[in-house]
Amino acid sequence: MKIILRLIYFVRKRWPGLLLGLICITVSTVGGLVIPRMLGNGINAAIGSGSRSQIVMFGLIILGTTVVRSAARFGDTYITQLVSQQASYDIRNALYNHLQHLSFTFYDKAQTGQIMSRATVDIEAARMFLSAGLLNLIQIVIMVVGVGFLLATLNWRLALMTLAFMPLIFWQTLYVSNRLQPVWTKVQQLIGALGTTLQESLFGVKVVKAFSLQERENRKFNADAQSLYDQQVTAARLQAIYTPLMTLLLGIPTVLVLWYGGRQVIAGNLTIGGATQFILYLGMLAGFVSRLGQLSAMISRTISSGRRIFEILDTESEVKEKLGAAELGRVSGAVSFQNVSFSYNSMAPVLKDVSFDVRPGQVVALLGGSGSGKTTIVSLMSRFYDVTSGRIAVDGTDIRDVTLSSLRKNVVVAQQDVFLYSGTIRDNIAYGAPEATMEEVVLAARSAQIHDFIQGLPNGYDTWVGERGVTLSGGEKQRVVIARSLLINPSVLILDDSTSSVDAETEHLIRQALAKLVEGRTTFVITHRMSIIRNADLILVLKDGRVVERGKHDELMAKNGLYRDTYLGQLAGQEPNSNLQRRD
């Protein structure tokens, strides 16, 4: 009930429509209760007095009631669908907005297929309940209470016999609903897993084909599809068992009406019209009990889907803004790490007591093996994660004391994992600054040495890059991302191995352009290219989460330590010249 009530809470803003829908469904239900009563009275009138006027009157009442009921049914159907669509719109937006504000920690563990399933399949299941389930549940309650009252006015003993089986029916409904809930939960999880498998297979289709693993991927997908099929069949079997059982439970009252009701008619305690009403009302109950079975399955699925939706909505971001966080204006770019330690999910620390100070406008190179903590350092600077202990300051201000948006306007990361959106090249360059003019976009592209390439495309800056930038090469995508970062004009620029997929000639051109932009801008570079590292103002050598060496190239070479070993072993053969240096 808690999950159901939380879903209903989303329609609170739509309460006028919900109230109108409730009125319509009440009018329709009451109209349905009136018709058997009028029909029974008409039969009694025909058999008793034979008055034609009375028969016509009852007929006109039935006709008028049918017209009113039809209009109410139209209003009920349209309004409930409208309200449910509005509610699903609100739920979907709330889910998407919450996903946008969750920290990287959530996405480190989440599967894209599961998230997609919750944003689509689960929300649609909730919408179906809000449209066809919620008011139908109210209608069933009105119907059972109304039928019980009307039958009692006809013959209370026969009414008790007829309604005595209703508690058993409701108990059976709850029992089946409880049995279905874990099944539907498993179904929703398997839909997400199937989506994840499909997504990975499509994104990695080139790898699949390169290794001729189509059959293995087919078997993997078929296994997931088989598991989903098995669970759906289990749900169908439970529903199939429930429906005939309800029919059996309603068949017994029907026999009682014929046996005891017939004796009451013979004894003169019940009219033929009254007996007809009993049969008609019992038929109405049968129809609603059948709908109750469908509603039970719907509620079970809704609870399972709602639980999965609220699992995300109830997840709190590990990176939060302080109440009343200040706006960080344009900074000079001084960065200070003070005894910073960090670990993912309380695991072994990735950074251990890291401290360093960077003056505005310096170029800082981060060097170290895989897992040494380079990417973690730059991720902490943008507050993608929060430090476990210690403090990071920009221009002397703790980054936890300022708003995330103002921090990330000053500290911009060109990440190693290049990502482009489906859209034009211009849209991708201007993603972080949508208000930028075309001249500013072109200037950023020129600085990233991608302008000439773009001009050679059929539609220039309006060329569609395809999903994830599939139509561009790795180096072209990286230059677009660099242009995107430069357009924002940040005070602190982080290049996370952003020239790794660029050929030597293009890298040289990029470094020439970046040299002009280093002035007045603090730049962090993660790379293994000696041509960039050797001219950095500060080189931080990391190992096992610690800064083991720091200084300039010549200073570190003189120490005969890890940097010199790395240089001689891995970097000595790279291009010796570089234009990526601060101009004094």
Foldseek 3Di string as FASTA:
>chain_A
DVLLVVLVVLLPVVVVLVVLLLVLLLLLLVLLLVLLVLQLVLVCCCVPVVDPVSNVVSVVSNVVSVVSNVVSVVSNQVSQLVSLVSSLVVLLVLLVVLVVPAFVLVVVPDFPLLSVLLSPVLSVLSSCCSRPNPSLVVSLVSLVVSLLVVLCVQPVVLSCLQCVLVVVLVVLLVVLLVVLQVLLLVLSVLSSVLSRLVVVCVVCVVVCVVVVVPVVSVVVNVVSVVVNVVSVVVNVVSLVVSLVVLVVSLVVSVVVLVVVVVVCCVVVSGPPSSSSSVVSSSVVNSVSSNVSSVSSNSVSNNSSSSVSSVVSVVDDHQQDADVVFAFDDAALWKKWWAQFWADRPPDPILAGGATDIDDRLFEEEEDEDPSLCQVVVLCCQLPSDDTPDTFMDTNRHTPSRHDSVNSCLQEPELAPPQFAAFFFLLCRLCVVPVVDDPVLLLVLLVLLVQQVVQVPDPVRRRDTLPHRSVNDDLLNSLSSSSSSRVSSVHQEYEYEQSCVRPDPVSVQSNQQSVQVSSESHYYYYYHLACQQQQQGQKYFYGGSNYRPDMGHNVVVCVVPDPVVVSCVPPHVPHDNHGSNHHDD
